[in-house]
Amino acid sequence: MDGQRFTIGVDLGGTNLRIAAYTRAARLLETIALPTRLAAGRDAVVDDMCGAIKTLKERFSSQYELAGIGIGTPGPLELPAGRLHKLPNFPGWDGFDLRSAVESRLEQGVIIDSDANLAALAEAELGLGRTMGLHSLCMLTLGTGVGNGIILNGKIWDGATGMAGEAGHATIYPDGPACTCGGNGCLEMYASATAIVRTAHQRRDYGTAPLLVGQDWTARSLAEAAKAGNTDAQKIYVEAGRAIGIGLAALINTLNLPLYVVGGGVIKAWDLMKPAIFEEVNHRSYVYRLTAPDSPIAKMNPRGATHIMPAELGSDSGLLGSCILPFSAHETA
């Protein structure tokens, strides 16, 4: 019975490392938050992670049976090996076999998936998917980068090698700026918090955005300025919305899923981006035009419409997904 079992989930981020104990009835029982000590090396980070896992395991094993340990990590992630490749913000981690490193310390198995996949899993099981009664969705997470997760019939779609869901590196503008992935003009170069702040500073420094002069911007402060009427800030979010809309249109035409979720810290500016997102999706996706919520097909088809919505869950989505992952794996087996 799930009510008598608990899981431990790990959300490995470039700045913060969070580890939580979870039951389906009570959800998060306890969360341990630590800085991710990247400068100390990957072994130090894994030691911190495993120490926190052991603490939670000891604390709750007298009350519940441990159902498993799930770990969410930035990608690209190779599965089933659990090996990391070319993580932009994790120097020295290329080719690191994270699964083996953790399992050797804990002396038990763990389940690993990408952080974006796990955010999508949480949104499917606990967020919009649950609210709308839908079991399939595609999610974009707009944070430091742009992540992407796909849930099909309640399960993560990992692809052949665990690297499915990299729409953040789909080309939006072929002649755009160089991306850390080696391409140019990727969605991540326009819609991530990093890209939005970089654009603001470039335009401020080049003198093309006079209303941005005199301040070092963050994504939050830029969004606040845009909402207050700063037209130079507004333009940046409109451009981000256009890039998101182009990316979503391609995903909708390819996948034809009922729900597309946009999450991450940048969606605090959802209202600033929404008009441009829907303008591009309507222009570029005939599938969306045919199946939008107010379309005749959507009203007549028992499978319903194509929905594009901001995420229901907040910053805990990746952590919740890592906690859900062991339960999901048991159900699949």
C-alpha atoms as a PDB file:
ATOM      1  CA  MET A   1       0.000   0.000   0.000  1.00  0.00           C
ATOM      2  CA  ASP A   2       1.403   3.414  -1.014  1.00  0.00           C
ATOM      3  CA  GLY A   3       0.034   4.905   2.208  1.00  0.00           C
ATOM      4  CA  GLN A   4       2.531   2.799   4.151  1.00  0.00           C
ATOM      5  CA  ARG A   5       5.508   3.584   1.916  1.00  0.00           C
ATOM      6  CA  PHE A   6       7.718   6.597   1.438  1.00  0.00           C
ATOM      7  CA  THR A   7      10.235   7.683  -1.167  1.00  0.00           C
ATOM      8  CA  ILE A   8      13.242   9.949  -1.128  1.00  0.00           C
ATOM      9  CA  GLY A   9      13.665  12.406  -3.983  1.00  0.00           C
ATOM     10  CA  VAL A  10      16.665  14.517  -4.991  1.00  0.00           C
ATOM     11  CA  ASP A  11      16.636  17.695  -7.073  1.00  0.00           C
ATOM     12  CA  LEU A  12      20.215  18.370  -8.202  1.00  0.00           C
ATOM     13  CA  GLY A  13      20.593  21.971  -9.339  1.00  0.00           C
ATOM     14  CA  GLY A  14      23.571  24.104 -10.213  1.00  0.00           C
ATOM     15  CA  THR A  15      23.016  26.327  -7.175  1.00  0.00           C
ATOM     16  CA  ASN A  16      20.930  24.289  -4.749  1.00  0.00           C
ATOM     17  CA  LEU A  17      20.665  20.621  -3.832  1.00  0.00           C
ATOM     18  CA  ARG A  18      17.342  19.555  -2.329  1.00  0.00           C
ATOM     19  CA  ILE A  19      16.490  16.167  -0.867  1.00  0.00           C
ATOM     20  CA  ALA A  20      13.019  15.253   0.421  1.00  0.00           C
ATOM     21  CA  ALA A  21      11.067  12.427   1.997  1.00  0.00           C
ATOM     22  CA  TYR A  22       7.596  11.939   0.503  1.00  0.00           C
ATOM     23  CA  THR A  23       4.418   9.927   0.860  1.00  0.00           C
ATOM     24  CA  ARG A  24       1.492  10.079  -1.510  1.00  0.00           C
ATOM     25  CA  ALA A  25      -0.862  10.903   1.348  1.00  0.00           C
ATOM     26  CA  ALA A  26       1.177  13.598   3.121  1.00  0.00           C
ATOM     27  CA  ARG A  27       3.377  14.630   0.156  1.00  0.00           C
ATOM     28  CA  LEU A  28       6.614  16.259   1.348  1.00  0.00           C
ATOM     29  CA  LEU A  29       7.399  15.041   4.854  1.00  0.00           C
ATOM     30  CA  GLU A  30      10.702  16.860   5.189  1.00  0.00           C
ATOM     31  CA  THR A  31      13.086  18.680   2.853  1.00  0.00           C
ATOM     32  CA  ILE A  32      16.819  19.197   3.305  1.00  0.00           C
ATOM     33  CA  ALA A  33      18.257  22.094   1.284  1.00  0.00           C
ATOM     34  CA  LEU A  34      21.996  22.445   0.718  1.00  0.00           C
ATOM     35  CA  PRO A  35      24.223  24.535  -1.545  1.00  0.00           C
ATOM     36  CA  THR A  36      25.540  22.565  -4.511  1.00  0.00           C
ATOM     37  CA  ARG A  37      29.290  22.628  -3.844  1.00  0.00           C
ATOM     38  CA  LEU A  38      30.387  22.476  -7.473  1.00  0.00           C
ATOM     39  CA  ALA A  39      33.702  24.163  -6.732  1.00  0.00           C
ATOM     40  CA  ALA A  40      34.560  21.330  -4.331  1.00  0.00           C
ATOM     41  CA  GLY A  41      34.122  18.737  -7.081  1.00  0.00           C
ATOM     42  CA  ARG A  42      31.566  16.137  -8.009  1.00  0.00           C
ATOM     43  CA  ASP A  43      32.522  13.707  -5.220  1.00  0.00           C
ATOM     44  CA  ALA A  44      31.772  16.383  -2.621  1.00  0.00           C
ATOM     45  CA  VAL A  45      28.345  17.001  -4.179  1.00  0.00           C
ATOM     46  CA  VAL A  46      27.556  13.281  -4.240  1.00  0.00           C
ATOM     47  CA  ASP A  47      28.725  12.922  -0.627  1.00  0.00           C
ATOM     48  CA  ASP A  48      26.377  15.751   0.414  1.00  0.00           C
ATOM     49  CA  MET A  49      23.517  14.149  -1.509  1.00  0.00           C
ATOM     50  CA  CYS A  50      24.044  10.700  -0.046  1.00  0.00           C
ATOM     51  CA  GLY A  51      24.481  12.040   3.473  1.00  0.00           C
ATOM     52  CA  ALA A  52      21.093  13.747   3.284  1.00  0.00           C
ATOM     53  CA  ILE A  53      19.476  10.645   1.786  1.00  0.00           C
ATOM     54  CA  LYS A  54      20.810   8.529   4.658  1.00  0.00           C
ATOM     55  CA  THR A  55      19.523  11.058   7.197  1.00  0.00           C
ATOM     56  CA  LEU A  56      15.988  10.947   5.786  1.00  0.00           C
ATOM     57  CA  LYS A  57      16.073   7.185   5.403  1.00  0.00           C
ATOM     58  CA  GLU A  58      16.979   6.746   9.064  1.00  0.00           C
ATOM     59  CA  ARG A  59      14.400   9.294  10.171  1.00  0.00           C
ATOM     60  CA  PHE A  60      11.378   7.798   8.418  1.00  0.00           C
ATOM     61  CA  SER A  61      12.109   4.076   8.018  1.00  0.00           C
ATOM     62  CA  SER A  62      10.566   3.325  11.402  1.00  0.00           C
ATOM     63  CA  GLN A  63       7.217   4.734  10.206  1.00  0.00           C
ATOM     64  CA  TYR A  64       7.183   3.741   6.541  1.00  0.00           C
ATOM     65  CA  GLU A  65       8.672   1.233   4.120  1.00  0.00           C
ATOM     66  CA  LEU A  66      11.123   2.837   1.673  1.00  0.00           C
ATOM     67  CA  ALA A  67       9.723   2.402  -1.846  1.00  0.00           C
ATOM     68  CA  GLY A  68      12.755   3.829  -3.624  1.00  0.00           C
ATOM     69  CA  ILE A  69      15.045   6.785  -4.264  1.00  0.00           C
ATOM     70  CA  GLY A  70      14.613   9.092  -7.266  1.00  0.00           C
ATOM     71  CA  ILE A  71      17.164  11.621  -8.520  1.00  0.00           C
ATOM     72  CA  GLY A  72      16.532  14.470 -10.927  1.00  0.00           C
ATOM     73  CA  THR A  73      19.538  15.952 -12.702  1.00  0.00           C
ATOM     74  CA  PRO A  74      20.191  18.432 -15.482  1.00  0.00           C
ATOM     75  CA  GLY A  75      20.780  16.854 -18.875  1.00  0.00           C
ATOM     76  CA  PRO A  76      21.895  15.580 -21.250  1.00  0.00           C
ATOM     77  CA  LEU A  77      21.487  12.325 -19.341  1.00  0.00           C
ATOM     78  CA  GLU A  78      22.260   8.927 -20.815  1.00  0.00           C
ATOM     79  CA  LEU A  79      19.906   6.134 -19.790  1.00  0.00           C
ATOM     80  CA  PRO A  80      19.816   3.428 -18.591  1.00  0.00           C
ATOM     81  CA  ALA A  81      23.424   4.018 -17.505  1.00  0.00           C
ATOM     82  CA  GLY A  82      22.649   7.186 -15.537  1.00  0.00           C
ATOM     83  CA  ARG A  83      25.657   8.909 -17.078  1.00  0.00           C
ATOM     84  CA  LEU A  84      25.862  12.693 -17.517  1.00  0.00           C
ATOM     85  CA  HIS A  85      27.175  14.429 -20.639  1.00  0.00           C
ATOM     86  CA  LYS A  86      28.347  18.006 -21.253  1.00  0.00           C
ATOM     87  CA  LEU A  87      26.333  19.728 -18.519  1.00  0.00           C
ATOM     88  CA  PRO A  88      26.790  23.465 -19.186  1.00  0.00           C
ATOM     89  CA  ASN A  89      27.038  24.552 -15.546  1.00  0.00           C
ATOM     90  CA  PHE A  90      28.748  21.469 -14.060  1.00  0.00           C
ATOM     91  CA  PRO A  91      32.465  21.636 -14.900  1.00  0.00           C
ATOM     92  CA  GLY A  92      34.203  18.274 -14.611  1.00  0.00           C
ATOM     93  CA  TRP A  93      30.998  16.243 -14.779  1.00  0.00           C
ATOM     94  CA  ASP A  94      31.137  15.247 -18.463  1.00  0.00           C
ATOM     95  CA  GLY A  95      30.912  11.458 -18.668  1.00  0.00           C
ATOM     96  CA  PHE A  96      30.263  11.135 -14.915  1.00  0.00           C
ATOM     97  CA  ASP A  97      28.412   7.935 -13.975  1.00  0.00           C
ATOM     98  CA  LEU A  98      26.157   9.496 -11.356  1.00  0.00           C
ATOM     99  CA  ARG A  99      24.065   6.383 -10.767  1.00  0.00           C
ATOM    100  CA  SER A 100      27.060   4.187  -9.910  1.00  0.00           C
ATOM    101  CA  ALA A 101      28.575   6.882  -7.700  1.00  0.00           C
ATOM    102  CA  VAL A 102      25.393   7.192  -5.652  1.00  0.00           C
ATOM    103  CA  GLU A 103      24.588   3.478  -5.530  1.00  0.00           C
ATOM    104  CA  SER A 104      28.079   2.561  -4.336  1.00  0.00           C
ATOM    105  CA  ARG A 105      27.758   4.981  -1.415  1.00  0.00           C
ATOM    106  CA  LEU A 106      24.206   4.012  -0.480  1.00  0.00           C
ATOM    107  CA  GLU A 107      24.613   0.292  -1.247  1.00  0.00           C
ATOM    108  CA  GLN A 108      21.215   0.239  -2.925  1.00  0.00           C
ATOM    109  CA  GLY A 109      19.671   1.062  -6.266  1.00  0.00           C
ATOM    110  CA  VAL A 110      18.390   4.480  -7.307  1.00  0.00           C
ATOM    111  CA  ILE A 111      16.336   5.737 -10.271  1.00  0.00           C
ATOM    112  CA  ILE A 112      17.592   8.722 -12.259  1.00  0.00           C
ATOM    113  CA  ASP A 113      15.900  10.965 -14.816  1.00  0.00           C
ATOM    114  CA  SER A 114      16.251  14.506 -16.088  1.00  0.00           C
ATOM    115  CA  ASP A 115      14.937  17.367 -13.972  1.00  0.00           C
ATOM    116  CA  ALA A 116      12.653  18.589 -16.773  1.00  0.00           C
ATOM    117  CA  ASN A 117      11.118  15.137 -17.199  1.00  0.00           C
ATOM    118  CA  LEU A 118      10.457  14.976 -13.482  1.00  0.00           C
ATOM    119  CA  ALA A 119       8.882  18.429 -13.415  1.00  0.00           C
ATOM    120  CA  ALA A 120       6.589  17.245 -16.213  1.00  0.00           C
ATOM    121  CA  LEU A 121       5.780  14.042 -14.301  1.00  0.00           C
ATOM    122  CA  ALA A 122       4.802  16.058 -11.234  1.00  0.00           C
ATOM    123  CA  GLU A 123       2.666  18.407 -13.321  1.00  0.00           C
ATOM    124  CA  ALA A 124       0.923  15.385 -14.856  1.00  0.00           C
ATOM    125  CA  GLU A 125       0.248  13.609 -11.564  1.00  0.00           C
ATOM    126  CA  LEU A 126      -0.189  16.481  -9.106  1.00  0.00           C
ATOM    127  CA  GLY A 127      -0.717  19.621 -11.203  1.00  0.00           C
ATOM    128  CA  LEU A 128      -2.587  20.486 -14.400  1.00  0.00           C
ATOM    129  CA  GLY A 129      -2.776  16.886 -15.583  1.00  0.00           C
ATOM    130  CA  ARG A 130      -4.654  15.942 -12.452  1.00  0.00           C
ATOM    131  CA  THR A 131      -6.821  19.073 -12.530  1.00  0.00           C
ATOM    132  CA  MET A 132      -7.825  18.479 -16.161  1.00  0.00           C
ATOM    133  CA  GLY A 133      -7.999  14.699 -16.029  1.00  0.00           C
ATOM    134  CA  LEU A 134      -5.272  14.314 -18.677  1.00  0.00           C
ATOM    135  CA  HIS A 135      -2.502  11.709 -18.702  1.00  0.00           C
ATOM    136  CA  SER A 136      -0.334  13.036 -21.527  1.00  0.00           C
ATOM    137  CA  LEU A 137       1.407  16.397 -21.759  1.00  0.00           C
ATOM    138  CA  CYS A 138       4.476  18.241 -22.965  1.00  0.00           C
ATOM    139  CA  MET A 139       6.166  20.742 -20.669  1.00  0.00           C
ATOM    140  CA  LEU A 140       8.686  23.514 -21.198  1.00  0.00           C
ATOM    141  CA  THR A 141      10.536  24.729 -18.098  1.00  0.00           C
ATOM    142  CA  LEU A 142      11.921  28.247 -18.425  1.00  0.00           C
ATOM    143  CA  GLY A 143      14.660  28.782 -15.891  1.00  0.00           C
ATOM    144  CA  THR A 144      18.414  29.178 -16.145  1.00  0.00           C
ATOM    145  CA  GLY A 145      18.009  27.170 -19.343  1.00  0.00           C
ATOM    146  CA  VAL A 146      14.969  25.754 -21.148  1.00  0.00           C
ATOM    147  CA  GLY A 147      14.083  22.195 -20.209  1.00  0.00           C
ATOM    148  CA  ASN A 148      11.511  19.949 -21.805  1.00  0.00           C
ATOM    149  CA  GLY A 149       9.665  16.871 -20.582  1.00  0.00           C
ATOM    150  CA  ILE A 150       7.124  14.635 -22.309  1.00  0.00           C
ATOM    151  CA  ILE A 151       4.592  12.456 -20.489  1.00  0.00           C
ATOM    152  CA  LEU A 152       2.707   9.839 -22.509  1.00  0.00           C
ATOM    153  CA  ASN A 153      -0.145   7.969 -20.809  1.00  0.00           C
ATOM    154  CA  GLY A 154       1.214   8.872 -17.392  1.00  0.00           C
ATOM    155  CA  LYS A 155       4.791   7.778 -18.077  1.00  0.00           C
ATOM    156  CA  ILE A 156       7.957   9.686 -18.954  1.00  0.00           C
ATOM    157  CA  TRP A 157       9.003   9.406 -22.577  1.00  0.00           C
ATOM    158  CA  ASP A 158      12.795   9.105 -22.321  1.00  0.00           C
ATOM    159  CA  GLY A 159      13.502   8.146 -25.922  1.00  0.00           C
ATOM    160  CA  ALA A 160      16.039   5.560 -27.022  1.00  0.00           C
ATOM    161  CA  THR A 161      18.949   6.779 -24.877  1.00  0.00           C
ATOM    162  CA  GLY A 162      17.271   8.954 -22.259  1.00  0.00           C
ATOM    163  CA  MET A 163      17.775  12.162 -24.223  1.00  0.00           C
ATOM    164  CA  ALA A 164      14.234  12.831 -25.445  1.00  0.00           C
ATOM    165  CA  GLY A 165      12.784  16.186 -24.516  1.00  0.00           C
ATOM    166  CA  GLU A 166      15.471  18.635 -25.596  1.00  0.00           C
ATOM    167  CA  ALA A 167      13.174  21.187 -27.230  1.00  0.00           C
ATOM    168  CA  GLY A 168      15.161  23.908 -25.489  1.00  0.00           C
ATOM    169  CA  HIS A 169      17.787  23.227 -28.138  1.00  0.00           C
ATOM    170  CA  ALA A 170      15.423  23.285 -31.094  1.00  0.00           C
ATOM    171  CA  THR A 171      16.449  25.975 -33.560  1.00  0.00           C
ATOM    172  CA  ILE A 172      14.147  28.999 -33.531  1.00  0.00           C
ATOM    173  CA  TYR A 173      16.236  31.420 -35.598  1.00  0.00           C
ATOM    174  CA  PRO A 174      19.069  29.728 -37.573  1.00  0.00           C
ATOM    175  CA  ASP A 175      21.210  32.869 -37.618  1.00  0.00           C
ATOM    176  CA  GLY A 176      20.765  33.522 -33.913  1.00  0.00           C
ATOM    177  CA  PRO A 177      23.393  33.589 -31.165  1.00  0.00           C
ATOM    178  CA  ALA A 178      25.626  30.585 -30.465  1.00  0.00           C
ATOM    179  CA  CYS A 179      24.285  28.220 -27.826  1.00  0.00           C
ATOM    180  CA  THR A 180      26.243  26.111 -25.339  1.00  0.00           C
ATOM    181  CA  CYS A 181      24.945  23.000 -27.127  1.00  0.00           C
ATOM    182  CA  GLY A 182      26.960  23.927 -30.240  1.00  0.00           C
ATOM    183  CA  GLY A 183      24.006  25.150 -32.285  1.00  0.00           C
ATOM    184  CA  ASN A 184      22.716  28.631 -33.059  1.00  0.00           C
ATOM    185  CA  GLY A 185      19.447  30.340 -32.288  1.00  0.00           C
ATOM    186  CA  CYS A 186      18.101  27.706 -29.899  1.00  0.00           C
ATOM    187  CA  LEU A 187      14.938  28.354 -27.900  1.00  0.00           C
ATOM    188  CA  GLU A 188      17.124  28.541 -24.785  1.00  0.00           C
ATOM    189  CA  MET A 189      18.888  31.572 -26.245  1.00  0.00           C
ATOM    190  CA  TYR A 190      15.635  33.578 -26.199  1.00  0.00           C
ATOM    191  CA  ALA A 191      13.282  32.200 -23.548  1.00  0.00           C
ATOM    192  CA  SER A 192      15.458  31.309 -20.557  1.00  0.00           C
ATOM    193  CA  ALA A 193      15.964  33.693 -17.642  1.00  0.00           C
ATOM    194  CA  THR A 194      19.643  33.806 -18.598  1.00  0.00           C
ATOM    195  CA  ALA A 195      18.822  34.885 -22.151  1.00  0.00           C
ATOM    196  CA  ILE A 196      16.302  37.498 -21.064  1.00  0.00           C
ATOM    197  CA  VAL A 197      18.774  39.123 -18.682  1.00  0.00           C
ATOM    198  CA  ARG A 198      21.585  38.938 -21.240  1.00  0.00           C
ATOM    199  CA  THR A 199      19.405  40.649 -23.845  1.00  0.00           C
ATOM    200  CA  ALA A 200      18.491  43.416 -21.407  1.00  0.00           C
ATOM    201  CA  HIS A 201      22.137  44.102 -20.546  1.00  0.00           C
ATOM    202  CA  GLN A 202      23.243  44.012 -24.175  1.00  0.00           C
ATOM    203  CA  ARG A 203      20.609  46.527 -25.231  1.00  0.00           C
ATOM    204  CA  ARG A 204      21.353  48.722 -22.239  1.00  0.00           C
ATOM    205  CA  ASP A 205      25.073  48.702 -23.043  1.00  0.00           C
ATOM    206  CA  TYR A 206      24.565  49.210 -26.794  1.00  0.00           C
ATOM    207  CA  GLY A 207      22.299  52.173 -26.166  1.00  0.00           C
ATOM    208  CA  THR A 208      19.332  50.613 -27.978  1.00  0.00           C
ATOM    209  CA  ALA A 209      17.141  50.433 -24.855  1.00  0.00           C
ATOM    210  CA  PRO A 210      17.368  53.788 -23.063  1.00  0.00           C
ATOM    211  CA  LEU A 211      14.725  52.804 -20.535  1.00  0.00           C
ATOM    212  CA  LEU A 212      17.002  50.022 -19.262  1.00  0.00           C
ATOM    213  CA  VAL A 213      20.005  52.260 -18.561  1.00  0.00           C
ATOM    214  CA  GLY A 214      21.274  52.612 -15.003  1.00  0.00           C
ATOM    215  CA  GLN A 215      20.408  49.224 -13.565  1.00  0.00           C
ATOM    216  CA  ASP A 216      21.718  45.668 -13.390  1.00  0.00           C
ATOM    217  CA  TRP A 217      18.715  43.573 -14.274  1.00  0.00           C
ATOM    218  CA  THR A 218      17.397  40.221 -13.111  1.00  0.00           C
ATOM    219  CA  ALA A 219      14.555  38.369 -14.795  1.00  0.00           C
ATOM    220  CA  ARG A 220      12.313  39.330 -11.871  1.00  0.00           C
ATOM    221  CA  SER A 221      13.184  43.034 -11.867  1.00  0.00           C
ATOM    222  CA  LEU A 222      12.854  43.180 -15.640  1.00  0.00           C
ATOM    223  CA  ALA A 223       9.400  41.602 -15.458  1.00  0.00           C
ATOM    224  CA  GLU A 224       8.367  44.074 -12.764  1.00  0.00           C
ATOM    225  CA  ALA A 225       9.576  46.955 -14.926  1.00  0.00           C
ATOM    226  CA  ALA A 226       7.679  45.599 -17.923  1.00  0.00           C
ATOM    227  CA  LYS A 227       4.489  45.282 -15.892  1.00  0.00           C
ATOM    228  CA  ALA A 228       4.972  48.861 -14.709  1.00  0.00           C
ATOM    229  CA  GLY A 229       5.027  50.099 -18.309  1.00  0.00           C
ATOM    230  CA  ASN A 230       8.722  50.020 -19.289  1.00  0.00           C
ATOM    231  CA  THR A 231       8.383  49.512 -23.043  1.00  0.00           C
ATOM    232  CA  ASP A 232      11.987  48.384 -23.563  1.00  0.00           C
ATOM    233  CA  ALA A 233      11.488  45.642 -20.977  1.00  0.00           C
ATOM    234  CA  GLN A 234       8.157  44.729 -22.536  1.00  0.00           C
ATOM    235  CA  LYS A 235       9.795  44.225 -25.943  1.00  0.00           C
ATOM    236  CA  ILE A 236      12.174  41.631 -24.513  1.00  0.00           C
ATOM    237  CA  TYR A 237       9.317  39.585 -23.086  1.00  0.00           C
ATOM    238  CA  VAL A 238       7.339  39.869 -26.315  1.00  0.00           C
ATOM    239  CA  GLU A 239      10.355  38.501 -28.193  1.00  0.00           C
ATOM    240  CA  ALA A 240      10.695  35.681 -25.671  1.00  0.00           C
ATOM    241  CA  GLY A 241       6.998  34.918 -26.154  1.00  0.00           C
ATOM    242  CA  ARG A 242       7.444  34.753 -29.930  1.00  0.00           C
ATOM    243  CA  ALA A 243      10.295  32.259 -29.556  1.00  0.00           C
ATOM    244  CA  ILE A 244       8.227  30.146 -27.173  1.00  0.00           C
ATOM    245  CA  GLY A 245       5.282  30.253 -29.575  1.00  0.00           C
ATOM    246  CA  ILE A 246       7.442  29.089 -32.488  1.00  0.00           C
ATOM    247  CA  GLY A 247       8.790  26.230 -30.376  1.00  0.00           C
ATOM    248  CA  LEU A 248       5.348  25.231 -29.135  1.00  0.00           C
ATOM    249  CA  ALA A 249       3.906  25.281 -32.657  1.00  0.00           C
ATOM    250  CA  ALA A 250       6.487  22.719 -33.779  1.00  0.00           C
ATOM    251  CA  LEU A 251       5.789  20.545 -30.737  1.00  0.00           C
ATOM    252  CA  ILE A 252       2.028  20.717 -31.285  1.00  0.00           C
ATOM    253  CA  ASN A 253       2.344  19.815 -34.969  1.00  0.00           C
ATOM    254  CA  THR A 254       4.639  16.913 -34.067  1.00  0.00           C
ATOM    255  CA  LEU A 255       3.035  15.449 -30.947  1.00  0.00           C
ATOM    256  CA  ASN A 256      -0.671  16.405 -31.054  1.00  0.00           C
ATOM    257  CA  LEU A 257      -0.960  16.060 -27.280  1.00  0.00           C
ATOM    258  CA  PRO A 258      -3.885  17.528 -25.342  1.00  0.00           C
ATOM    259  CA  LEU A 259      -1.828  19.718 -23.010  1.00  0.00           C
ATOM    260  CA  TYR A 260       1.293  21.888 -23.293  1.00  0.00           C
ATOM    261  CA  VAL A 261       2.519  23.340 -20.011  1.00  0.00           C
ATOM    262  CA  VAL A 262       4.936  26.237 -19.612  1.00  0.00           C
ATOM    263  CA  GLY A 263       6.666  26.330 -16.235  1.00  0.00           C
ATOM    264  CA  GLY A 264       9.781  27.618 -14.491  1.00  0.00           C
ATOM    265  CA  GLY A 265      10.587  30.982 -12.955  1.00  0.00           C
ATOM    266  CA  VAL A 266      10.084  32.930 -16.185  1.00  0.00           C
ATOM    267  CA  ILE A 267       6.337  32.204 -16.217  1.00  0.00           C
ATOM    268  CA  LYS A 268       5.909  34.861 -13.563  1.00  0.00           C
ATOM    269  CA  ALA A 269       5.898  37.037 -16.687  1.00  0.00           C
ATOM    270  CA  TRP A 270       3.293  34.826 -18.405  1.00  0.00           C
ATOM    271  CA  ASP A 271       0.860  37.692 -19.021  1.00  0.00           C
ATOM    272  CA  LEU A 272       3.629  39.661 -20.769  1.00  0.00           C
ATOM    273  CA  MET A 273       4.457  36.764 -23.098  1.00  0.00           C
ATOM    274  CA  LYS A 274       1.029  35.195 -23.617  1.00  0.00           C
ATOM    275  CA  PRO A 275      -0.222  37.357 -26.538  1.00  0.00           C
ATOM    276  CA  ALA A 276       2.948  36.737 -28.578  1.00  0.00           C
ATOM    277  CA  ILE A 277       2.932  33.016 -27.735  1.00  0.00           C
ATOM    278  CA  PHE A 278      -0.602  32.519 -29.004  1.00  0.00           C
ATOM    279  CA  GLU A 279      -0.078  34.759 -32.036  1.00  0.00           C
ATOM    280  CA  GLU A 280       2.827  32.570 -33.170  1.00  0.00           C
ATOM    281  CA  VAL A 281       1.101  29.281 -32.337  1.00  0.00           C
ATOM    282  CA  ASN A 282      -2.020  30.299 -34.240  1.00  0.00           C
ATOM    283  CA  HIS A 283       0.093  31.396 -37.201  1.00  0.00           C
ATOM    284  CA  ARG A 284       2.429  28.385 -37.341  1.00  0.00           C
ATOM    285  CA  SER A 285       0.386  25.394 -36.153  1.00  0.00           C
ATOM    286  CA  TYR A 286      -2.572  24.320 -38.236  1.00  0.00           C
ATOM    287  CA  VAL A 287      -3.051  21.496 -35.711  1.00  0.00           C
ATOM    288  CA  TYR A 288      -3.633  24.105 -33.009  1.00  0.00           C
ATOM    289  CA  ARG A 289      -5.976  26.143 -35.181  1.00  0.00           C
ATOM    290  CA  LEU A 290      -8.026  23.010 -35.817  1.00  0.00           C
ATOM    291  CA  THR A 291      -8.085  21.830 -32.210  1.00  0.00           C
ATOM    292  CA  ALA A 292      -7.929  25.004 -30.073  1.00  0.00           C
ATOM    293  CA  PRO A 293     -10.365  24.937 -27.131  1.00  0.00           C
ATOM    294  CA  ASP A 294     -13.028  26.982 -28.960  1.00  0.00           C
ATOM    295  CA  SER A 295     -12.741  25.141 -32.299  1.00  0.00           C
ATOM    296  CA  PRO A 296     -15.557  23.018 -33.779  1.00  0.00           C
ATOM    297  CA  ILE A 297     -13.336  19.913 -33.770  1.00  0.00           C
ATOM    298  CA  ALA A 298     -12.506  20.349 -30.097  1.00  0.00           C
ATOM    299  CA  LYS A 299     -16.180  20.718 -29.223  1.00  0.00           C
ATOM    300  CA  MET A 300     -17.211  17.625 -31.189  1.00  0.00           C
ATOM    301  CA  ASN A 301     -14.234  15.311 -30.655  1.00  0.00           C
ATOM    302  CA  PRO A 302     -14.449  13.164 -27.496  1.00  0.00           C
ATOM    303  CA  ARG A 303     -10.672  13.443 -27.090  1.00  0.00           C
ATOM    304  CA  GLY A 304     -11.035  17.178 -26.572  1.00  0.00           C
ATOM    305  CA  ALA A 305      -8.888  20.196 -27.366  1.00  0.00           C
ATOM    306  CA  THR A 306      -5.269  21.323 -27.428  1.00  0.00           C
ATOM    307  CA  HIS A 307      -4.522  23.386 -24.314  1.00  0.00           C
ATOM    308  CA  ILE A 308      -1.541  25.692 -23.671  1.00  0.00           C
ATOM    309  CA  MET A 309      -1.326  26.798 -20.037  1.00  0.00           C
ATOM    310  CA  PRO A 310       1.110  28.028 -17.387  1.00  0.00           C
ATOM    311  CA  ALA A 311       2.161  25.374 -14.885  1.00  0.00           C
ATOM    312  CA  GLU A 312       0.070  24.827 -11.788  1.00  0.00           C
ATOM    313  CA  LEU A 313       2.950  23.671  -9.590  1.00  0.00           C
ATOM    314  CA  GLY A 314       5.705  26.040  -8.566  1.00  0.00           C
ATOM    315  CA  SER A 315       9.389  25.656  -7.802  1.00  0.00           C
ATOM    316  CA  ASP A 316       8.899  22.280  -6.090  1.00  0.00           C
ATOM    317  CA  SER A 317       7.833  20.516  -9.305  1.00  0.00           C
ATOM    318  CA  GLY A 318      11.238  18.943 -10.001  1.00  0.00           C
ATOM    319  CA  LEU A 319      11.613  17.786  -6.398  1.00  0.00           C
ATOM    320  CA  LEU A 320       8.073  16.373  -6.345  1.00  0.00           C
ATOM    321  CA  GLY A 321       8.741  14.563  -9.607  1.00  0.00           C
ATOM    322  CA  SER A 322      11.866  12.911  -8.208  1.00  0.00           C
ATOM    323  CA  CYS A 323       9.793  11.735  -5.241  1.00  0.00           C
ATOM    324  CA  ILE A 324       7.038  10.375  -7.500  1.00  0.00           C
ATOM    325  CA  LEU A 325       9.512   8.606  -9.798  1.00  0.00           C
ATOM    326  CA  PRO A 326       9.994   5.444  -7.693  1.00  0.00           C
ATOM    327  CA  PHE A 327       6.225   4.964  -7.374  1.00  0.00           C
ATOM    328  CA  SER A 328       5.861   5.445 -11.133  1.00  0.00           C
ATOM    329  CA  ALA A 329       8.633   2.931 -11.824  1.00  0.00           C
ATOM    330  CA  HIS A 330       6.964   0.305  -9.620  1.00  0.00           C
ATOM    331  CA  GLU A 331       3.658   0.780 -11.439  1.00  0.00           C
ATOM    332  CA  THR A 332       5.366   0.331 -14.812  1.00  0.00           C
ATOM    333  CA  ALA A 333       7.246  -2.810 -13.788  1.00  0.00           C
END
